[in-house]
PDB file of all heavy atoms in Angstrom:
ATOM      1  N   SER A   1       0.632  -2.621  -9.060  1.00  0.00           N
ATOM      2  CA  SER A   1      -0.671  -2.570  -9.704  1.00  0.00           C
ATOM      3  C   SER A   1      -1.728  -1.924  -8.835  1.00  0.00           C
ATOM      4  O   SER A   1      -1.515  -1.759  -7.605  1.00  0.00           O
ATOM      5  CB  SER A   1      -1.122  -4.011 -10.058  1.00  0.00           C
ATOM      6  OG  SER A   1      -1.462  -4.732  -8.840  1.00  0.00           O
ATOM      7  N   LEU A   2      -2.871  -1.571  -9.387  1.00  0.00           N
ATOM      8  CA  LEU A   2      -3.985  -0.993  -8.627  1.00  0.00           C
ATOM      9  C   LEU A   2      -4.383  -1.989  -7.545  1.00  0.00           C
ATOM     10  O   LEU A   2      -4.728  -1.610  -6.458  1.00  0.00           O
ATOM     11  CB  LEU A   2      -5.091  -0.590  -9.518  1.00  0.00           C
ATOM     12  CG  LEU A   2      -4.881   0.623 -10.424  1.00  0.00           C
ATOM     13  CD1 LEU A   2      -6.097   0.820 -11.327  1.00  0.00           C
ATOM     14  CD2 LEU A   2      -4.717   1.901  -9.593  1.00  0.00           C
ATOM     15  N   ALA A   3      -4.411  -3.278  -7.923  1.00  0.00           N
ATOM     16  CA  ALA A   3      -4.795  -4.296  -6.964  1.00  0.00           C
ATOM     17  C   ALA A   3      -3.881  -4.337  -5.766  1.00  0.00           C
ATOM     18  O   ALA A   3      -4.286  -4.385  -4.625  1.00  0.00           O
ATOM     19  CB  ALA A   3      -4.923  -5.657  -7.647  1.00  0.00           C
ATOM     20  N   GLU A   4      -2.597  -4.288  -6.038  1.00  0.00           N
ATOM     21  CA  GLU A   4      -1.580  -4.287  -5.001  1.00  0.00           C
ATOM     22  C   GLU A   4      -1.712  -3.021  -4.108  1.00  0.00           C
ATOM     23  O   GLU A   4      -1.691  -3.118  -2.849  1.00  0.00           O
ATOM     24  CB  GLU A   4      -0.213  -4.336  -5.560  1.00  0.00           C
ATOM     25  CG  GLU A   4       0.122  -5.723  -6.166  1.00  0.00           C
ATOM     26  CD  GLU A   4       1.449  -5.703  -6.944  1.00  0.00           C
ATOM     27  OE1 GLU A   4       1.760  -4.681  -7.575  1.00  0.00           O
ATOM     28  OE2 GLU A   4       2.156  -6.703  -6.856  1.00  0.00           O
ATOM     29  N   LEU A   5      -1.972  -1.914  -4.705  1.00  0.00           N
ATOM     30  CA  LEU A   5      -2.095  -0.674  -3.970  1.00  0.00           C
ATOM     31  C   LEU A   5      -3.321  -0.701  -3.058  1.00  0.00           C
ATOM     32  O   LEU A   5      -3.278  -0.247  -1.910  1.00  0.00           O
ATOM     33  CB  LEU A   5      -2.158   0.562  -4.880  1.00  0.00           C
ATOM     34  CG  LEU A   5      -0.899   0.854  -5.719  1.00  0.00           C
ATOM     35  CD1 LEU A   5      -1.209   1.800  -6.803  1.00  0.00           C
ATOM     36  CD2 LEU A   5       0.160   1.405  -4.768  1.00  0.00           C
ATOM     37  N   HIS A   6      -4.415  -1.287  -3.503  1.00  0.00           N
ATOM     38  CA  HIS A   6      -5.639  -1.404  -2.683  1.00  0.00           C
ATOM     39  C   HIS A   6      -5.394  -2.416  -1.544  1.00  0.00           C
ATOM     40  O   HIS A   6      -5.860  -2.151  -0.444  1.00  0.00           O
ATOM     41  CB  HIS A   6      -6.836  -1.767  -3.520  1.00  0.00           C
ATOM     42  CG  HIS A   6      -7.397  -0.597  -4.341  1.00  0.00           C
ATOM     43  ND1 HIS A   6      -6.774  -0.067  -5.402  1.00  0.00           N
ATOM     44  CD2 HIS A   6      -8.489   0.147  -4.137  1.00  0.00           C
ATOM     45  CE1 HIS A   6      -7.458   0.962  -5.869  1.00  0.00           C
ATOM     46  NE2 HIS A   6      -8.549   1.115  -5.091  1.00  0.00           N
ATOM     47  N   ASP A   7      -4.727  -3.467  -1.842  1.00  0.00           N
ATOM     48  CA  ASP A   7      -4.438  -4.471  -0.810  1.00  0.00           C
ATOM     49  C   ASP A   7      -3.549  -3.833   0.293  1.00  0.00           C
ATOM     50  O   ASP A   7      -3.764  -4.054   1.474  1.00  0.00           O
ATOM     51  CB  ASP A   7      -3.740  -5.703  -1.400  1.00  0.00           C
ATOM     52  CG  ASP A   7      -4.719  -6.696  -2.147  1.00  0.00           C
ATOM     53  OD1 ASP A   7      -5.899  -6.495  -1.913  1.00  0.00           O
ATOM     54  OD2 ASP A   7      -4.212  -7.417  -2.993  1.00  0.00           O
ATOM     55  N   GLN A   8      -2.480  -3.169  -0.113  1.00  0.00           N
ATOM     56  CA  GLN A   8      -1.562  -2.575   0.801  1.00  0.00           C
ATOM     57  C   GLN A   8      -2.159  -1.444   1.635  1.00  0.00           C
ATOM     58  O   GLN A   8      -1.867  -1.272   2.778  1.00  0.00           O
ATOM     59  CB  GLN A   8      -0.292  -2.123   0.059  1.00  0.00           C
ATOM     60  CG  GLN A   8       0.513  -3.273  -0.478  1.00  0.00           C
ATOM     61  CD  GLN A   8       1.613  -2.807  -1.462  1.00  0.00           C
ATOM     62  OE1 GLN A   8       1.966  -1.617  -1.440  1.00  0.00           O
ATOM     63  NE2 GLN A   8       2.179  -3.709  -2.202  1.00  0.00           N
ATOM     64  N   SER A   9      -3.055  -0.691   0.999  1.00  0.00           N
ATOM     65  CA  SER A   9      -3.622   0.463   1.748  1.00  0.00           C
ATOM     66  C   SER A   9      -4.826   0.017   2.611  1.00  0.00           C
ATOM     67  O   SER A   9      -5.142   0.693   3.620  1.00  0.00           O
ATOM     68  CB  SER A   9      -4.108   1.523   0.770  1.00  0.00           C
ATOM     69  OG  SER A   9      -5.160   1.011  -0.014  1.00  0.00           O
ATOM     70  N   GLY A  10      -5.423  -1.099   2.195  1.00  0.00           N
ATOM     71  CA  GLY A  10      -6.654  -1.522   2.970  1.00  0.00           C
ATOM     72  C   GLY A  10      -7.899  -0.769   2.525  1.00  0.00           C
ATOM     73  O   GLY A  10      -8.945  -0.923   3.149  1.00  0.00           O
ATOM     74  N   TRP A  11      -7.783   0.005   1.448  1.00  0.00           N
ATOM     75  CA  TRP A  11      -8.977   0.754   0.995  1.00  0.00           C
ATOM     76  C   TRP A  11      -9.737  -0.036  -0.039  1.00  0.00           C
ATOM     77  O   TRP A  11      -9.116  -0.532  -1.044  1.00  0.00           O
ATOM     78  CB  TRP A  11      -8.500   2.093   0.398  1.00  0.00           C
ATOM     79  CG  TRP A  11      -7.753   2.972   1.408  1.00  0.00           C
ATOM     80  CD1 TRP A  11      -7.853   2.974   2.743  1.00  0.00           C
ATOM     81  CD2 TRP A  11      -6.701   3.924   1.086  1.00  0.00           C
ATOM     82  NE1 TRP A  11      -7.004   3.876   3.307  1.00  0.00           N
ATOM     83  CE2 TRP A  11      -6.265   4.474   2.316  1.00  0.00           C
ATOM     84  CE3 TRP A  11      -6.107   4.350  -0.124  1.00  0.00           C
ATOM     85  CZ2 TRP A  11      -5.275   5.410   2.352  1.00  0.00           C
ATOM     86  CZ3 TRP A  11      -5.129   5.281  -0.094  1.00  0.00           C
ATOM     87  CH2 TRP A  11      -4.736   5.841   1.178  1.00  0.00           C
ATOM     88  N   ASP A  12     -11.000  -0.055   0.059  1.00  0.00           N
ATOM     89  CA  ASP A  12     -11.829  -0.817  -0.883  1.00  0.00           C
ATOM     90  C   ASP A  12     -12.367   0.078  -2.025  1.00  0.00           C
ATOM     91  O   ASP A  12     -12.598  -0.364  -3.122  1.00  0.00           O
ATOM     92  CB  ASP A  12     -13.012  -1.500  -0.180  1.00  0.00           C
ATOM     93  CG  ASP A  12     -12.556  -2.648   0.719  1.00  0.00           C
ATOM     94  OD1 ASP A  12     -11.567  -3.248   0.395  1.00  0.00           O
ATOM     95  OD2 ASP A  12     -13.284  -2.885   1.726  1.00  0.00           O
ATOM     96  N   GLU A  13     -12.541   1.351  -1.666  1.00  0.00           N
ATOM     97  CA  GLU A  13     -13.114   2.289  -2.692  1.00  0.00           C
ATOM     98  C   GLU A  13     -12.254   3.546  -2.621  1.00  0.00           C
ATOM     99  O   GLU A  13     -12.023   4.095  -1.549  1.00  0.00           O
ATOM    100  CB  GLU A  13     -14.570   2.616  -2.364  1.00  0.00           C
ATOM    101  CG  GLU A  13     -15.270   3.374  -3.425  1.00  0.00           C
ATOM    102  CD  GLU A  13     -16.786   3.457  -3.167  1.00  0.00           C
ATOM    103  OE1 GLU A  13     -17.234   3.004  -2.143  1.00  0.00           O
ATOM    104  OE2 GLU A  13     -17.496   4.028  -4.067  1.00  0.00           O
ATOM    105  N   THR A  14     -11.718   3.988  -3.736  1.00  0.00           N
ATOM    106  CA  THR A  14     -10.750   5.055  -3.769  1.00  0.00           C
ATOM    107  C   THR A  14     -11.009   6.019  -4.913  1.00  0.00           C
ATOM    108  O   THR A  14     -11.859   5.817  -5.795  1.00  0.00           O
ATOM    109  CB  THR A  14      -9.329   4.447  -3.982  1.00  0.00           C
ATOM    110  OG1 THR A  14      -9.311   3.746  -5.244  1.00  0.00           O
ATOM    111  CG2 THR A  14      -8.931   3.532  -2.882  1.00  0.00           C
ATOM    112  N   VAL A  15     -10.261   7.143  -4.875  1.00  0.00           N
ATOM    113  CA  VAL A  15     -10.168   8.067  -5.971  1.00  0.00           C
ATOM    114  C   VAL A  15      -8.716   8.222  -6.386  1.00  0.00           C
ATOM    115  O   VAL A  15      -7.828   8.356  -5.533  1.00  0.00           O
ATOM    116  CB  VAL A  15     -10.750   9.469  -5.554  1.00  0.00           C
ATOM    117  CG1 VAL A  15     -10.487  10.495  -6.651  1.00  0.00           C
ATOM    118  CG2 VAL A  15     -12.225   9.383  -5.240  1.00  0.00           C
ATOM    119  N   LEU A  16      -8.518   8.089  -7.677  1.00  0.00           N
ATOM    120  CA  LEU A  16      -7.177   8.294  -8.272  1.00  0.00           C
ATOM    121  C   LEU A  16      -7.125   9.551  -9.093  1.00  0.00           C
ATOM    122  O   LEU A  16      -8.070   9.789  -9.879  1.00  0.00           O
ATOM    123  CB  LEU A  16      -6.889   7.045  -9.161  1.00  0.00           C
ATOM    124  CG  LEU A  16      -5.524   7.066  -9.902  1.00  0.00           C
ATOM    125  CD1 LEU A  16      -4.404   6.744  -8.944  1.00  0.00           C
ATOM    126  CD2 LEU A  16      -5.553   6.029 -11.055  1.00  0.00           C
ATOM    127  N   LYS A  17      -6.094  10.412  -8.891  1.00  0.00           N
ATOM    128  CA  LYS A  17      -6.005  11.651  -9.627  1.00  0.00           C
ATOM    129  C   LYS A  17      -4.612  12.114  -9.728  1.00  0.00           C
ATOM    130  O   LYS A  17      -3.755  11.695  -8.860  1.00  0.00           O
ATOM    131  CB  LYS A  17      -6.902  12.760  -9.020  1.00  0.00           C
ATOM    132  CG  LYS A  17      -6.577  13.093  -7.592  1.00  0.00           C
ATOM    133  CD  LYS A  17      -7.663  14.070  -7.060  1.00  0.00           C
ATOM    134  CE  LYS A  17      -7.500  14.321  -5.595  1.00  0.00           C
ATOM    135  NZ  LYS A  17      -8.527  15.260  -5.058  1.00  0.00           N
ATOM    136  N   PRO A  18      -4.213  12.941 -10.695  1.00  0.00           N
ATOM    137  CA  PRO A  18      -2.811  13.422 -10.812  1.00  0.00           C
ATOM    138  C   PRO A  18      -2.502  14.360  -9.665  1.00  0.00           C
ATOM    139  O   PRO A  18      -3.367  15.001  -9.120  1.00  0.00           O
ATOM    140  CB  PRO A  18      -2.855  14.174 -12.121  1.00  0.00           C
ATOM    141  CG  PRO A  18      -4.143  13.819 -12.827  1.00  0.00           C
ATOM    142  CD  PRO A  18      -5.098  13.457 -11.740  1.00  0.00           C
ATOM    143  N   THR A  19      -1.191  14.407  -9.362  1.00  0.00           N
ATOM    144  CA  THR A  19      -0.771  15.378  -8.322  1.00  0.00           C
ATOM    145  C   THR A  19      -0.719  16.796  -8.889  1.00  0.00           C
ATOM    146  O   THR A  19      -0.682  17.742  -8.143  1.00  0.00           O
ATOM    147  CB  THR A  19       0.603  14.985  -7.699  1.00  0.00           C
ATOM    148  OG1 THR A  19       1.587  15.034  -8.740  1.00  0.00           O
ATOM    149  CG2 THR A  19       0.540  13.619  -7.043  1.00  0.00           C
ATOM    150  N   VAL A  20      -0.667  16.870 -10.191  1.00  0.00           N
ATOM    151  CA  VAL A  20      -0.703  18.187 -10.872  1.00  0.00           C
ATOM    152  C   VAL A  20      -1.908  18.120 -11.797  1.00  0.00           C
ATOM    153  O   VAL A  20      -1.991  17.309 -12.676  1.00  0.00           O
ATOM    154  CB  VAL A  20       0.560  18.478 -11.668  1.00  0.00           C
ATOM    155  CG1 VAL A  20       0.380  19.827 -12.429  1.00  0.00           C
ATOM    156  CG2 VAL A  20       1.785  18.536 -10.752  1.00  0.00           C
ATOM    157  N   GLY A  21      -2.857  19.009 -11.588  1.00  0.00           N
ATOM    158  CA  GLY A  21      -3.995  19.049 -12.467  1.00  0.00           C
ATOM    159  C   GLY A  21      -5.121  19.810 -11.891  1.00  0.00           C
ATOM    160  O   GLY A  21      -5.044  20.404 -10.800  1.00  0.00           O
ATOM    161  N   GLY A  22      -6.257  19.807 -12.562  1.00  0.00           N
ATOM    162  CA  GLY A  22      -7.459  20.441 -12.099  1.00  0.00           C
ATOM    163  C   GLY A  22      -8.662  20.103 -13.003  1.00  0.00           C
ATOM    164  O   GLY A  22      -8.506  19.374 -14.008  1.00  0.00           O
ATOM    165  N   ALA A  23      -9.824  20.551 -12.613  1.00  0.00           N
ATOM    166  CA  ALA A  23     -11.053  20.376 -13.372  1.00  0.00           C
ATOM    167  C   ALA A  23     -11.371  18.910 -13.588  1.00  0.00           C
ATOM    168  O   ALA A  23     -11.988  18.513 -14.601  1.00  0.00           O
ATOM    169  CB  ALA A  23     -10.995  21.129 -14.727  1.00  0.00           C
ATOM    170  N   GLY A  24     -10.945  18.023 -12.634  1.00  0.00           N
ATOM    171  CA  GLY A  24     -11.264  16.640 -12.733  1.00  0.00           C
ATOM    172  C   GLY A  24     -10.507  15.853 -13.769  1.00  0.00           C
ATOM    173  O   GLY A  24     -10.850  14.728 -14.156  1.00  0.00           O
TER     174      GLY A  24
END
């Protein structure tokens, strides 16, 4: 989950985006 990913990374504020894409 996003909560688990934030706990494991130690990041409180993040940006999530596709690995393929553009224009936000």
